Amino acid sequence: MLKKFFLFLLLAATPALANAAQGLTKAETEALKRSISEGQAAADAKNPNKFRPALGDDEGEPDVNPNWLPPGVRILGPVKGIDAGEGECEDKDMEIGTGRSVMSCIALCIDSADGEWREYFDENGNPTGKFEFVQGLILISEHPDGQNGMLVERTRINMPIPFCRASGGMETDDEDKKQQALIIQLNMYCLNESKSPSFENMDYTMAGVTKDPDLLELLGILDRKQVDSDENGALVQEAIYEITERRGLTPDTRRKLNDLPDRA
C-alpha cells in the first residue's frame, strides 16, 4: 500500500510517470484521495490556526508590500488612534473605510523636493486621479495589546494635498505656523480578535498592503461588493476572523460574501 501511495504522488506531480502507477485501480486511487483528505482534515483539527505573522495571536512582522504611498506623499507625525466605533478625527477632510474596530487619523502632505509626485498631483496639489488608498492596507498597533487593522475598500483621493513645509510644524498652537495637511480618518477592520480595539491616542504604524493569499481572496470578493449596513460589516469582520484566527474562509461564509449587493 505504501508503494502505491508514493506512486500516486509521483503520478499527480509528474504526468510523464503515469505508466509507473498503472497497477492502481480506480477504486484504489479514490481511496488514496480520501485518505489524504482525511489526514489533512485531522491535522487541521489538531491545529485549527494557520500561522500568519501579526494576525490573530501570531507574533512577528506582517507579510506586506510596504510601497503603497505615491512618490512624494509623506505621512506627518504619528498615526493616532481614536475611540473605536464612536471616535472622530479633529479637522478631518475625509473618511475612508467601513470598519469600526480600528479607527485612526492620518495626516498627509506632498514633499515638493521629490519630483515624481507630479504624476499624481498638479502644481496646486490637486490629484490627477492616480492616488488611492488600496485594499489590504494594514495598520500595526504600537500597543502590545492593541488590535492591528486592515482596510477592505479601495478609495481614490479626490481632494488636494498641501505641500510639506521644510520645518514641519504640526505640533504648535500658532495656526499660522502649523503645517497644513490632508487629514483622513481611517475606519478599519480588526485583525486580532483577542486584543483591544483602538482608543484615543493609541499609536500606529503603517505597515503596507497585505500579501496573505487568503486575505487577498477575501478582498477580491469585496472589491465588487457594497458593505452598506452594520449586518454586512459584521459579516466582513467574521470572514476576517475565519482567516486570522483559524485557517480560512468557510464555504458558507464565502457564499454569504458573494451574496452581498454588488457595487453600482
Protein backbone atom coordinates (compact mmCIF):
# COMPACT_ATOMS: atom_id res chain seq x y z
CA MET A 1 0.00 0.00 0.00
CA LEU A 2 2.84 2.41 0.83
CA LYS A 3 4.44 1.76 -2.52
CA LYS A 4 1.19 2.55 -4.29
CA PHE A 5 0.84 5.73 -2.24
CA PHE A 6 4.19 7.06 -3.45
CA LEU A 7 3.36 6.04 -6.99
CA PHE A 8 0.15 8.04 -6.70
CA LEU A 9 2.06 11.15 -5.55
CA LEU A 10 4.51 10.78 -8.40
CA LEU A 11 1.65 10.45 -10.83
CA ALA A 12 -0.01 13.61 -9.51
CA ALA A 13 3.23 15.60 -9.64
CA THR A 14 4.65 14.33 -12.96
CA PRO A 15 2.29 13.15 -15.72
CA ALA A 16 5.23 11.56 -17.52
CA LEU A 17 5.33 8.91 -14.77
CA ALA A 18 1.77 7.75 -15.41
CA ASN A 19 2.87 4.32 -16.55
CA ALA A 20 4.55 3.73 -13.20
CA ALA A 21 1.18 3.75 -11.44
CA GLN A 22 -0.78 1.58 -13.83
CA GLY A 23 -1.23 -1.02 -11.08
CA LEU A 24 -3.62 1.29 -9.21
CA THR A 25 -7.27 0.65 -9.88
CA LYS A 26 -9.78 3.49 -9.98
CA ALA A 27 -11.17 2.40 -6.63
CA GLU A 28 -7.68 2.39 -5.08
CA THR A 29 -6.99 5.85 -6.47
CA GLU A 30 -10.20 7.22 -4.98
CA ALA A 31 -9.40 5.56 -1.66
CA LEU A 32 -5.99 7.24 -1.63
CA LYS A 33 -7.55 10.61 -2.32
CA ARG A 34 -9.97 10.16 0.57
CA SER A 35 -7.13 9.07 2.85
CA ILE A 36 -5.09 12.16 2.02
CA SER A 37 -8.12 14.42 2.52
CA GLU A 38 -8.99 12.81 5.85
CA GLY A 39 -5.40 13.06 7.01
CA GLN A 40 -5.32 16.79 6.20
CA ALA A 41 -8.64 17.31 7.99
CA ALA A 42 -7.29 15.53 11.08
CA ALA A 43 -4.15 17.68 11.04
CA ASP A 44 -6.26 20.85 10.73
CA ALA A 45 -8.42 19.75 13.66
CA LYS A 46 -5.35 19.39 15.85
CA ASN A 47 -4.06 22.81 14.80
CA PRO A 48 -7.06 24.97 13.80
CA ASN A 49 -4.96 28.12 13.38
CA LYS A 50 -2.75 28.74 10.35
CA PHE A 51 0.32 30.77 11.35
CA ARG A 52 0.18 34.31 9.96
CA PRO A 53 2.62 36.88 11.45
CA ALA A 54 0.93 39.84 13.20
CA LEU A 55 -2.53 38.34 12.63
CA GLY A 56 -4.65 36.70 15.30
CA ASP A 57 -2.43 35.71 18.22
CA ASP A 58 0.61 35.09 16.00
CA GLU A 59 3.69 37.21 16.61
CA GLY A 60 6.02 38.68 14.01
CA GLU A 61 6.02 41.26 11.24
CA PRO A 62 3.13 41.15 8.76
CA ASP A 63 3.73 39.89 5.24
CA VAL A 64 3.13 43.10 3.28
CA ASN A 65 4.24 45.23 0.37
CA PRO A 66 5.45 48.42 2.13
CA ASN A 67 5.47 50.60 -1.00
CA TRP A 68 1.89 51.85 -1.12
CA LEU A 69 2.24 55.64 -0.95
CA PRO A 70 2.82 57.53 -4.22
CA PRO A 71 6.24 59.18 -4.61
CA GLY A 72 6.44 62.45 -2.71
CA VAL A 73 3.49 61.84 -0.38
CA ARG A 74 4.54 61.93 3.27
CA ILE A 75 2.82 60.92 6.50
CA LEU A 76 3.10 63.76 9.02
CA GLY A 77 3.78 62.70 12.57
CA PRO A 78 2.44 59.54 14.19
CA VAL A 79 -0.78 57.85 13.14
CA LYS A 80 -3.06 58.29 16.15
CA GLY A 81 -5.97 56.12 17.20
CA ILE A 82 -9.43 57.30 18.21
CA ASP A 83 -12.10 55.50 20.22
CA ALA A 84 -13.38 52.55 18.19
CA GLY A 85 -16.93 52.86 16.94
CA GLU A 86 -17.56 56.43 18.04
CA GLY A 87 -14.35 58.49 17.78
CA GLU A 88 -13.80 61.23 15.23
CA CYS A 89 -10.64 62.87 13.90
CA GLU A 90 -10.35 66.58 14.61
CA ASP A 91 -10.41 68.72 11.44
CA LYS A 92 -10.78 65.65 9.22
CA ASP A 93 -11.15 66.23 5.49
CA MET A 94 -12.50 62.80 4.58
CA GLU A 95 -13.24 59.31 5.90
CA ILE A 96 -12.17 56.01 4.36
CA GLY A 97 -13.44 52.55 5.22
CA THR A 98 -16.41 50.82 6.86
CA GLY A 99 -14.63 49.08 9.75
CA ARG A 100 -15.40 50.13 13.32
CA SER A 101 -12.77 48.29 15.37
CA VAL A 102 -9.53 50.08 14.45
CA MET A 103 -10.04 53.79 13.80
CA SER A 104 -7.26 56.32 13.38
CA CYS A 105 -6.23 59.68 11.96
CA ILE A 106 -3.54 60.15 9.32
CA ALA A 107 -2.12 63.44 8.01
CA LEU A 108 -0.61 63.69 4.52
CA CYS A 109 1.41 66.33 2.68
CA ILE A 110 3.44 66.46 -0.56
CA ASP A 111 7.23 66.75 -0.44
CA SER A 112 7.99 69.15 -3.29
CA ALA A 113 11.64 68.01 -3.35
CA ASP A 114 10.54 64.64 -4.73
CA GLY A 115 9.92 65.36 -8.41
CA GLU A 116 8.00 62.15 -9.03
CA TRP A 117 4.90 63.48 -7.26
CA ARG A 118 3.94 65.34 -10.47
CA GLU A 119 2.43 62.16 -11.90
CA TYR A 120 -0.12 62.15 -9.07
CA PHE A 121 -0.73 65.85 -8.38
CA ASP A 122 -0.60 69.14 -10.27
CA GLU A 123 1.30 72.24 -9.16
CA ASN A 124 -1.53 73.12 -6.76
CA GLY A 125 -1.59 69.71 -5.11
CA ASN A 126 -4.78 68.68 -6.91
CA PRO A 127 -4.96 64.94 -7.60
CA THR A 128 -4.72 63.51 -11.13
CA GLY A 129 -6.84 60.51 -10.14
CA LYS A 130 -3.98 58.04 -9.71
CA PHE A 131 -3.63 58.07 -5.92
CA GLU A 132 -5.86 55.74 -3.95
CA PHE A 133 -5.87 54.06 -0.58
CA VAL A 134 -5.73 50.43 -1.60
CA GLN A 135 -7.48 47.36 -0.24
CA GLY A 136 -5.49 45.39 2.26
CA LEU A 137 -3.63 48.33 3.80
CA ILE A 138 -2.52 47.19 7.27
CA LEU A 139 -2.05 49.36 10.34
CA ILE A 140 0.07 47.98 13.20
CA SER A 141 -0.63 48.97 16.80
CA GLU A 142 2.36 50.10 18.86
CA HIS A 143 0.47 48.94 21.96
CA PRO A 144 1.18 45.21 22.57
CA ASP A 145 -2.47 44.53 23.40
CA GLY A 146 -3.90 46.70 20.63
CA GLN A 147 -5.61 45.35 17.55
CA ASN A 148 -3.99 45.73 14.15
CA GLY A 149 -6.32 46.97 11.42
CA MET A 150 -6.96 46.41 7.73
CA LEU A 151 -8.74 48.50 5.11
CA VAL A 152 -11.05 46.43 2.89
CA GLU A 153 -12.09 49.17 0.44
CA ARG A 154 -10.10 50.94 -2.25
CA THR A 155 -10.73 54.70 -2.19
CA ARG A 156 -9.45 57.26 -4.66
CA ILE A 157 -8.17 60.50 -3.14
CA ASN A 158 -10.09 63.28 -4.88
CA MET A 159 -9.01 66.17 -2.66
CA PRO A 160 -5.87 68.33 -2.93
CA ILE A 161 -2.96 67.60 -0.60
CA PRO A 162 -0.95 70.55 0.80
CA PHE A 163 2.79 70.76 0.24
CA CYS A 164 5.01 69.93 3.20
CA ARG A 165 6.90 72.70 4.93
CA ALA A 166 10.61 72.14 5.34
CA SER A 167 10.33 72.61 9.10
CA GLY A 168 7.16 70.56 9.59
CA GLY A 169 5.37 72.24 12.46
CA MET A 170 2.28 70.08 13.03
CA GLU A 171 2.53 70.42 16.82
CA THR A 172 2.10 74.13 17.52
CA ASP A 173 -0.56 76.43 18.93
CA ASP A 174 0.20 79.06 16.29
CA GLU A 175 -2.27 78.46 13.45
CA ASP A 176 -0.11 80.48 11.03
CA LYS A 177 2.87 78.18 11.63
CA LYS A 178 1.01 74.90 11.74
CA GLN A 179 1.74 72.52 8.88
CA GLN A 180 -1.27 72.18 6.63
CA ALA A 181 -2.20 68.62 5.72
CA LEU A 182 -4.94 66.42 4.35
CA ILE A 183 -6.49 64.74 7.42
CA ILE A 184 -8.04 61.34 6.74
CA GLN A 185 -9.98 59.20 9.19
CA LEU A 186 -9.31 55.51 8.57
CA ASN A 187 -12.03 53.07 9.62
CA MET A 188 -10.55 49.58 9.57
CA TYR A 189 -11.46 46.03 10.48
CA CYS A 190 -9.74 44.09 13.25
CA LEU A 191 -7.02 41.51 12.57
CA ASN A 192 -6.64 40.26 16.19
CA GLU A 193 -9.87 39.15 17.82
CA SER A 194 -8.47 38.76 21.36
CA LYS A 195 -6.90 42.23 21.54
CA SER A 196 -8.19 45.70 22.32
CA PRO A 197 -9.94 47.94 19.77
CA SER A 198 -8.42 51.35 19.10
CA PHE A 199 -8.67 54.09 21.68
CA GLU A 200 -7.77 57.77 21.90
CA ASN A 201 -4.10 58.47 21.07
CA MET A 202 -3.08 54.84 20.57
CA ASP A 203 -0.02 54.97 18.29
CA TYR A 204 0.01 53.08 14.99
CA THR A 205 2.46 52.38 12.18
CA MET A 206 1.53 51.93 8.53
CA ALA A 207 2.92 48.53 7.56
CA GLY A 208 1.86 48.24 3.92
CA VAL A 209 -0.51 46.15 1.83
CA THR A 210 -1.09 42.53 2.79
CA LYS A 211 0.28 39.68 0.70
CA ASP A 212 -1.58 36.96 2.59
CA PRO A 213 -3.32 34.82 -0.09
CA ASP A 214 -6.44 34.15 1.99
CA LEU A 215 -6.94 37.83 2.81
CA LEU A 216 -6.36 38.65 -0.87
CA GLU A 217 -9.11 36.19 -1.81
CA LEU A 218 -11.48 37.95 0.60
CA LEU A 219 -10.51 41.38 -0.73
CA GLY A 220 -11.08 40.17 -4.28
CA ILE A 221 -14.67 39.26 -3.40
CA LEU A 222 -15.27 42.55 -1.54
CA ASP A 223 -13.82 44.64 -4.36
CA ARG A 224 -17.06 44.24 -6.29
CA LYS A 225 -19.39 44.40 -3.28
CA GLN A 226 -21.05 47.05 -1.12
CA VAL A 227 -20.71 46.93 2.66
CA ASP A 228 -23.66 49.20 3.33
CA SER A 229 -25.03 48.06 6.69
CA ASP A 230 -23.91 47.03 10.16
CA GLU A 231 -25.01 43.47 9.35
CA ASN A 232 -22.80 43.35 6.26
CA GLY A 233 -19.92 44.85 8.22
CA ALA A 234 -20.29 42.14 10.86
CA LEU A 235 -20.12 39.51 8.11
CA VAL A 236 -16.90 41.02 6.78
CA GLN A 237 -15.39 41.04 10.29
CA GLU A 238 -16.33 37.41 10.87
CA ALA A 239 -14.80 36.49 7.49
CA ILE A 240 -11.54 38.17 8.53
CA TYR A 241 -11.54 36.25 11.82
CA GLU A 242 -12.00 32.97 9.96
CA ILE A 243 -8.70 33.79 8.27
CA THR A 244 -6.71 35.43 11.07
CA GLU A 245 -7.88 33.18 13.92
CA ARG A 246 -8.42 29.95 12.04
CA ARG A 247 -7.46 28.55 8.64
CA GLY A 248 -9.51 30.43 6.07
CA LEU A 249 -12.96 31.19 4.72
CA THR A 250 -15.58 28.52 5.15
CA PRO A 251 -17.80 27.66 2.16
CA ASP A 252 -20.83 29.14 3.95
CA THR A 253 -19.11 32.47 4.63
CA ARG A 254 -17.78 32.60 1.08
CA ARG A 255 -21.34 32.12 -0.20
CA LYS A 256 -22.68 34.89 2.06
CA LEU A 257 -19.96 37.27 0.88
CA ASN A 258 -20.78 36.56 -2.74
CA ASP A 259 -24.44 37.30 -1.93
CA LEU A 260 -23.63 40.84 -0.75
CA PRO A 261 -25.01 43.57 -3.04
CA ASP A 262 -22.80 44.47 -5.98
CA ARG A 263 -21.32 47.92 -6.38
CA ALA A 264 -23.29 50.20 -8.65
